Amino acid sequence: MSIEDRAKATAKNIEGKAQEAVGEVTGDPKDKAEGKAKQAEAQAQHAVEDAKDQVKKAVD
């Protein structure tokens, strides 16, 4: 629904992918795990926005 919220979720996903990649390169499991967690959070935010869109379509 909100383009701003979707952009924030996309940015968090990119940040998570970068952090995971850094963790891969440096061998730091903490960075890798935090990167995956950020990606999961971003997916959840996208799912919320998708649900909001579906509700709005149903109401309209």
PDB file of N, CA and C in Angstrom:
ATOM      1  N   MET A   1       0.828  -1.169   0.000  1.00  0.00           N
ATOM      2  CA  MET A   1       0.000   0.000   0.000  1.00  0.00           C
ATOM      3  C   MET A   1       0.876   1.237   0.000  1.00  0.00           C
ATOM      4  N   SER A   2       1.710   1.351   0.955  1.00  0.00           N
ATOM      5  CA  SER A   2       2.579   2.508   1.049  1.00  0.00           C
ATOM      6  C   SER A   2       3.881   2.250   0.290  1.00  0.00           C
ATOM      7  N   ILE A   3       4.141   3.080  -0.675  1.00  0.00           N
ATOM      8  CA  ILE A   3       5.378   2.938  -1.443  1.00  0.00           C
ATOM      9  C   ILE A   3       6.575   3.138  -0.531  1.00  0.00           C
ATOM     10  N   GLU A   4       6.440   4.049   0.423  1.00  0.00           N
ATOM     11  CA  GLU A   4       7.532   4.311   1.364  1.00  0.00           C
ATOM     12  C   GLU A   4       7.856   3.062   2.190  1.00  0.00           C
ATOM     13  N   ASP A   5       6.823   2.367   2.673  1.00  0.00           N
ATOM     14  CA  ASP A   5       7.039   1.147   3.456  1.00  0.00           C
ATOM     15  C   ASP A   5       7.677   0.050   2.614  1.00  0.00           C
ATOM     16  N   ARG A   6       7.244  -0.063   1.375  1.00  0.00           N
ATOM     17  CA  ARG A   6       7.830  -1.066   0.478  1.00  0.00           C
ATOM     18  C   ARG A   6       9.299  -0.736   0.189  1.00  0.00           C
ATOM     19  N   ALA A   7       9.594   0.547   0.010  1.00  0.00           N
ATOM     20  CA  ALA A   7      10.978   0.957  -0.249  1.00  0.00           C
ATOM     21  C   ALA A   7      11.862   0.650   0.956  1.00  0.00           C
ATOM     22  N   LYS A   8      11.340   0.890   2.154  1.00  0.00           N
ATOM     23  CA  LYS A   8      12.098   0.587   3.371  1.00  0.00           C
ATOM     24  C   LYS A   8      12.363  -0.921   3.478  1.00  0.00           C
ATOM     25  N   ALA A   9      11.363  -1.719   3.148  1.00  0.00           N
ATOM     26  CA  ALA A   9      11.522  -3.171   3.211  1.00  0.00           C
ATOM     27  C   ALA A   9      12.546  -3.639   2.176  1.00  0.00           C
ATOM     28  N   THR A  10      12.505  -3.058   0.993  1.00  0.00           N
ATOM     29  CA  THR A  10      13.467  -3.415  -0.046  1.00  0.00           C
ATOM     30  C   THR A  10      14.875  -3.025   0.375  1.00  0.00           C
ATOM     31  N   ALA A  11      15.017  -1.847   0.974  1.00  0.00           N
ATOM     32  CA  ALA A  11      16.328  -1.405   1.451  1.00  0.00           C
ATOM     33  C   ALA A  11      16.850  -2.340   2.541  1.00  0.00           C
ATOM     34  N   LYS A  12      15.972  -2.770   3.428  1.00  0.00           N
ATOM     35  CA  LYS A  12      16.379  -3.683   4.493  1.00  0.00           C
ATOM     36  C   LYS A  12      16.804  -5.026   3.904  1.00  0.00           C
ATOM     37  N   ASN A  13      16.112  -5.471   2.878  1.00  0.00           N
ATOM     38  CA  ASN A  13      16.471  -6.723   2.221  1.00  0.00           C
ATOM     39  C   ASN A  13      17.868  -6.624   1.594  1.00  0.00           C
ATOM     40  N   ILE A  14      18.122  -5.516   0.907  1.00  0.00           N
ATOM     41  CA  ILE A  14      19.434  -5.307   0.285  1.00  0.00           C
ATOM     42  C   ILE A  14      20.519  -5.236   1.355  1.00  0.00           C
ATOM     43  N   GLU A  15      20.224  -4.515   2.426  1.00  0.00           N
ATOM     44  CA  GLU A  15      21.174  -4.420   3.535  1.00  0.00           C
ATOM     45  C   GLU A  15      21.470  -5.809   4.114  1.00  0.00           C
ATOM     46  N   GLY A  16      20.446  -6.609   4.254  1.00  0.00           N
ATOM     47  CA  GLY A  16      20.610  -7.960   4.777  1.00  0.00           C
ATOM     48  C   GLY A  16      21.445  -8.832   3.862  1.00  0.00           C
ATOM     49  N   LYS A  17      21.209  -8.715   2.552  1.00  0.00           N
ATOM     50  CA  LYS A  17      21.990  -9.500   1.592  1.00  0.00           C
ATOM     51  C   LYS A  17      23.461  -9.098   1.645  1.00  0.00           C
ATOM     52  N   ALA A  18      23.712  -7.792   1.755  1.00  0.00           N
ATOM     53  CA  ALA A  18      25.091  -7.310   1.828  1.00  0.00           C
ATOM     54  C   ALA A  18      25.762  -7.801   3.111  1.00  0.00           C
ATOM     55  N   GLN A  19      25.046  -7.718   4.218  1.00  0.00           N
ATOM     56  CA  GLN A  19      25.614  -8.157   5.487  1.00  0.00           C
ATOM     57  C   GLN A  19      25.884  -9.659   5.473  1.00  0.00           C
ATOM     58  N   GLU A  20      24.978 -10.413   4.884  1.00  0.00           N
ATOM     59  CA  GLU A  20      25.187 -11.856   4.775  1.00  0.00           C
ATOM     60  C   GLU A  20      26.424 -12.150   3.921  1.00  0.00           C
ATOM     61  N   ALA A  21      26.579 -11.412   2.825  1.00  0.00           N
ATOM     62  CA  ALA A  21      27.731 -11.607   1.944  1.00  0.00           C
ATOM     63  C   ALA A  21      29.031 -11.274   2.669  1.00  0.00           C
ATOM     64  N   VAL A  22      29.023 -10.208   3.451  1.00  0.00           N
ATOM     65  CA  VAL A  22      30.215  -9.849   4.226  1.00  0.00           C
ATOM     66  C   VAL A  22      30.532 -10.959   5.219  1.00  0.00           C
ATOM     67  N   GLY A  23      29.517 -11.488   5.837  1.00  0.00           N
ATOM     68  CA  GLY A  23      29.704 -12.603   6.765  1.00  0.00           C
ATOM     69  C   GLY A  23      30.291 -13.821   6.076  1.00  0.00           C
ATOM     70  N   GLU A  24      29.866 -14.067   4.843  1.00  0.00           N
ATOM     71  CA  GLU A  24      30.407 -15.186   4.057  1.00  0.00           C
ATOM     72  C   GLU A  24      31.901 -14.980   3.801  1.00  0.00           C
ATOM     73  N   VAL A  25      32.232 -13.767   3.349  1.00  0.00           N
ATOM     74  CA  VAL A  25      33.616 -13.464   2.975  1.00  0.00           C
ATOM     75  C   VAL A  25      34.537 -13.485   4.195  1.00  0.00           C
ATOM     76  N   THR A  26      34.075 -12.885   5.293  1.00  0.00           N
ATOM     77  CA  THR A  26      34.924 -12.793   6.482  1.00  0.00           C
ATOM     78  C   THR A  26      34.849 -14.037   7.348  1.00  0.00           C
ATOM     79  N   GLY A  27      33.871 -14.872   7.092  1.00  0.00           N
ATOM     80  CA  GLY A  27      33.704 -16.073   7.904  1.00  0.00           C
ATOM     81  C   GLY A  27      33.059 -15.784   9.250  1.00  0.00           C
ATOM     82  N   ASP A  28      32.367 -14.647   9.341  1.00  0.00           N
ATOM     83  CA  ASP A  28      31.718 -14.253  10.593  1.00  0.00           C
ATOM     84  C   ASP A  28      30.276 -14.766  10.608  1.00  0.00           C
ATOM     85  N   PRO A  29      29.994 -15.795  11.387  1.00  0.00           N
ATOM     86  CA  PRO A  29      28.640 -16.353  11.403  1.00  0.00           C
ATOM     87  C   PRO A  29      27.599 -15.374  11.970  1.00  0.00           C
ATOM     88  N   LYS A  30      28.031 -14.462  12.847  1.00  0.00           N
ATOM     89  CA  LYS A  30      27.098 -13.489  13.422  1.00  0.00           C
ATOM     90  C   LYS A  30      26.586 -12.542  12.331  1.00  0.00           C
ATOM     91  N   ASP A  31      27.490 -12.015  11.510  1.00  0.00           N
ATOM     92  CA  ASP A  31      27.076 -11.141  10.411  1.00  0.00           C
ATOM     93  C   ASP A  31      26.158 -11.882   9.448  1.00  0.00           C
ATOM     94  N   LYS A  32      26.514 -13.107   9.160  1.00  0.00           N
ATOM     95  CA  LYS A  32      25.711 -13.922   8.245  1.00  0.00           C
ATOM     96  C   LYS A  32      24.292 -14.103   8.787  1.00  0.00           C
ATOM     97  N   ALA A  33      24.195 -14.438  10.061  1.00  0.00           N
ATOM     98  CA  ALA A  33      22.886 -14.657  10.689  1.00  0.00           C
ATOM     99  C   ALA A  33      22.080 -13.367  10.751  1.00  0.00           C
ATOM    100  N   GLU A  34      22.736 -12.252  11.096  1.00  0.00           N
ATOM    101  CA  GLU A  34      22.026 -10.970  11.153  1.00  0.00           C
ATOM    102  C   GLU A  34      21.526 -10.565   9.768  1.00  0.00           C
ATOM    103  N   GLY A  35      22.323 -10.845   8.752  1.00  0.00           N
ATOM    104  CA  GLY A  35      21.901 -10.538   7.381  1.00  0.00           C
ATOM    105  C   GLY A  35      20.680 -11.340   6.980  1.00  0.00           C
ATOM    106  N   LYS A  36      20.675 -12.614   7.328  1.00  0.00           N
ATOM    107  CA  LYS A  36      19.509 -13.458   7.013  1.00  0.00           C
ATOM    108  C   LYS A  36      18.281 -12.986   7.786  1.00  0.00           C
ATOM    109  N   ALA A  37      18.486 -12.558   9.030  1.00  0.00           N
ATOM    110  CA  ALA A  37      17.368 -12.068   9.842  1.00  0.00           C
ATOM    111  C   ALA A  37      16.768 -10.806   9.224  1.00  0.00           C
ATOM    112  N   LYS A  38      17.613  -9.922   8.738  1.00  0.00           N
ATOM    113  CA  LYS A  38      17.114  -8.698   8.095  1.00  0.00           C
ATOM    114  C   LYS A  38      16.320  -9.036   6.834  1.00  0.00           C
ATOM    115  N   GLN A  39      16.790 -10.025   6.088  1.00  0.00           N
ATOM    116  CA  GLN A  39      16.065 -10.430   4.887  1.00  0.00           C
ATOM    117  C   GLN A  39      14.697 -11.005   5.243  1.00  0.00           C
ATOM    118  N   ALA A  40      14.642 -11.780   6.305  1.00  0.00           N
ATOM    119  CA  ALA A  40      13.369 -12.356   6.739  1.00  0.00           C
ATOM    120  C   ALA A  40      12.418 -11.259   7.197  1.00  0.00           C
ATOM    121  N   GLU A  41      12.957 -10.270   7.901  1.00  0.00           N
ATOM    122  CA  GLU A  41      12.131  -9.146   8.359  1.00  0.00           C
ATOM    123  C   GLU A  41      11.573  -8.379   7.154  1.00  0.00           C
ATOM    124  N   ALA A  42      12.403  -8.193   6.148  1.00  0.00           N
ATOM    125  CA  ALA A  42      11.961  -7.496   4.940  1.00  0.00           C
ATOM    126  C   ALA A  42      10.852  -8.276   4.237  1.00  0.00           C
ATOM    127  N   GLN A  43      10.991  -9.599   4.183  1.00  0.00           N
ATOM    128  CA  GLN A  43       9.942 -10.420   3.561  1.00  0.00           C
ATOM    129  C   GLN A  43       8.631 -10.294   4.332  1.00  0.00           C
ATOM    130  N   ALA A  44       8.729 -10.236   5.651  1.00  0.00           N
ATOM    131  CA  ALA A  44       7.527 -10.079   6.464  1.00  0.00           C
ATOM    132  C   ALA A  44       6.875  -8.728   6.206  1.00  0.00           C
ATOM    133  N   GLN A  45       7.689  -7.693   6.079  1.00  0.00           N
ATOM    134  CA  GLN A  45       7.144  -6.360   5.795  1.00  0.00           C
ATOM    135  C   GLN A  45       6.450  -6.341   4.440  1.00  0.00           C
ATOM    136  N   HIS A  46       7.043  -7.005   3.452  1.00  0.00           N
ATOM    137  CA  HIS A  46       6.404  -7.083   2.141  1.00  0.00           C
ATOM    138  C   HIS A  46       5.079  -7.849   2.232  1.00  0.00           C
ATOM    139  N   ALA A  47       5.039  -8.904   3.014  1.00  0.00           N
ATOM    140  CA  ALA A  47       3.802  -9.673   3.175  1.00  0.00           C
ATOM    141  C   ALA A  47       2.705  -8.822   3.807  1.00  0.00           C
ATOM    142  N   VAL A  48       3.076  -8.008   4.779  1.00  0.00           N
ATOM    143  CA  VAL A  48       2.104  -7.103   5.417  1.00  0.00           C
ATOM    144  C   VAL A  48       1.561  -6.119   4.388  1.00  0.00           C
ATOM    145  N   GLU A  49       2.449  -5.556   3.594  1.00  0.00           N
ATOM    146  CA  GLU A  49       2.011  -4.607   2.572  1.00  0.00           C
ATOM    147  C   GLU A  49       1.122  -5.284   1.528  1.00  0.00           C
ATOM    148  N   ASP A  50       1.451  -6.514   1.159  1.00  0.00           N
ATOM    149  CA  ASP A  50       0.608  -7.263   0.226  1.00  0.00           C
ATOM    150  C   ASP A  50      -0.783  -7.492   0.817  1.00  0.00           C
ATOM    151  N   ALA A  51      -0.839  -7.827   2.095  1.00  0.00           N
ATOM    152  CA  ALA A  51      -2.125  -8.035   2.760  1.00  0.00           C
ATOM    153  C   ALA A  51      -2.935  -6.742   2.792  1.00  0.00           C
ATOM    154  N   LYS A  52      -2.270  -5.639   3.063  1.00  0.00           N
ATOM    155  CA  LYS A  52      -2.958  -4.347   3.068  1.00  0.00           C
ATOM    156  C   LYS A  52      -3.536  -4.055   1.688  1.00  0.00           C
ATOM    157  N   ASP A  53      -2.755  -4.356   0.650  1.00  0.00           N
ATOM    158  CA  ASP A  53      -3.241  -4.131  -0.714  1.00  0.00           C
ATOM    159  C   ASP A  53      -4.468  -4.983  -1.011  1.00  0.00           C
ATOM    160  N   GLN A  54      -4.460  -6.230  -0.579  1.00  0.00           N
ATOM    161  CA  GLN A  54      -5.594  -7.119  -0.824  1.00  0.00           C
ATOM    162  C   GLN A  54      -6.847  -6.625  -0.101  1.00  0.00           C
ATOM    163  N   VAL A  55      -6.680  -6.145   1.117  1.00  0.00           N
ATOM    164  CA  VAL A  55      -7.822  -5.617   1.883  1.00  0.00           C
ATOM    165  C   VAL A  55      -8.371  -4.383   1.177  1.00  0.00           C
ATOM    166  N   LYS A  56      -7.478  -3.502   0.741  1.00  0.00           N
ATOM    167  CA  LYS A  56      -7.920  -2.301   0.062  1.00  0.00           C
ATOM    168  C   LYS A  56      -8.680  -2.646  -1.225  1.00  0.00           C
ATOM    169  N   LYS A  57      -8.181  -3.623  -1.987  1.00  0.00           N
ATOM    170  CA  LYS A  57      -8.874  -4.032  -3.207  1.00  0.00           C
ATOM    171  C   LYS A  57     -10.244  -4.603  -2.896  1.00  0.00           C
ATOM    172  N   ALA A  58     -10.329  -5.367  -1.817  1.00  0.00           N
ATOM    173  CA  ALA A  58     -11.616  -5.971  -1.440  1.00  0.00           C
ATOM    174  C   ALA A  58     -12.621  -4.905  -1.004  1.00  0.00           C
ATOM    175  N   VAL A  59     -12.145  -3.880  -0.339  1.00  0.00           N
ATOM    176  CA  VAL A  59     -13.012  -2.806   0.138  1.00  0.00           C
ATOM    177  C   VAL A  59     -13.480  -1.932  -1.019  1.00  0.00           C
ATOM    178  N   ASP A  60     -12.570  -1.689  -1.968  1.00  0.00           N
ATOM    179  CA  ASP A  60     -12.903  -0.828  -3.113  1.00  0.00           C
ATOM    180  C   ASP A  60     -13.796  -1.556  -4.039  1.00  0.00           C
TER     181      ASP A  60
END
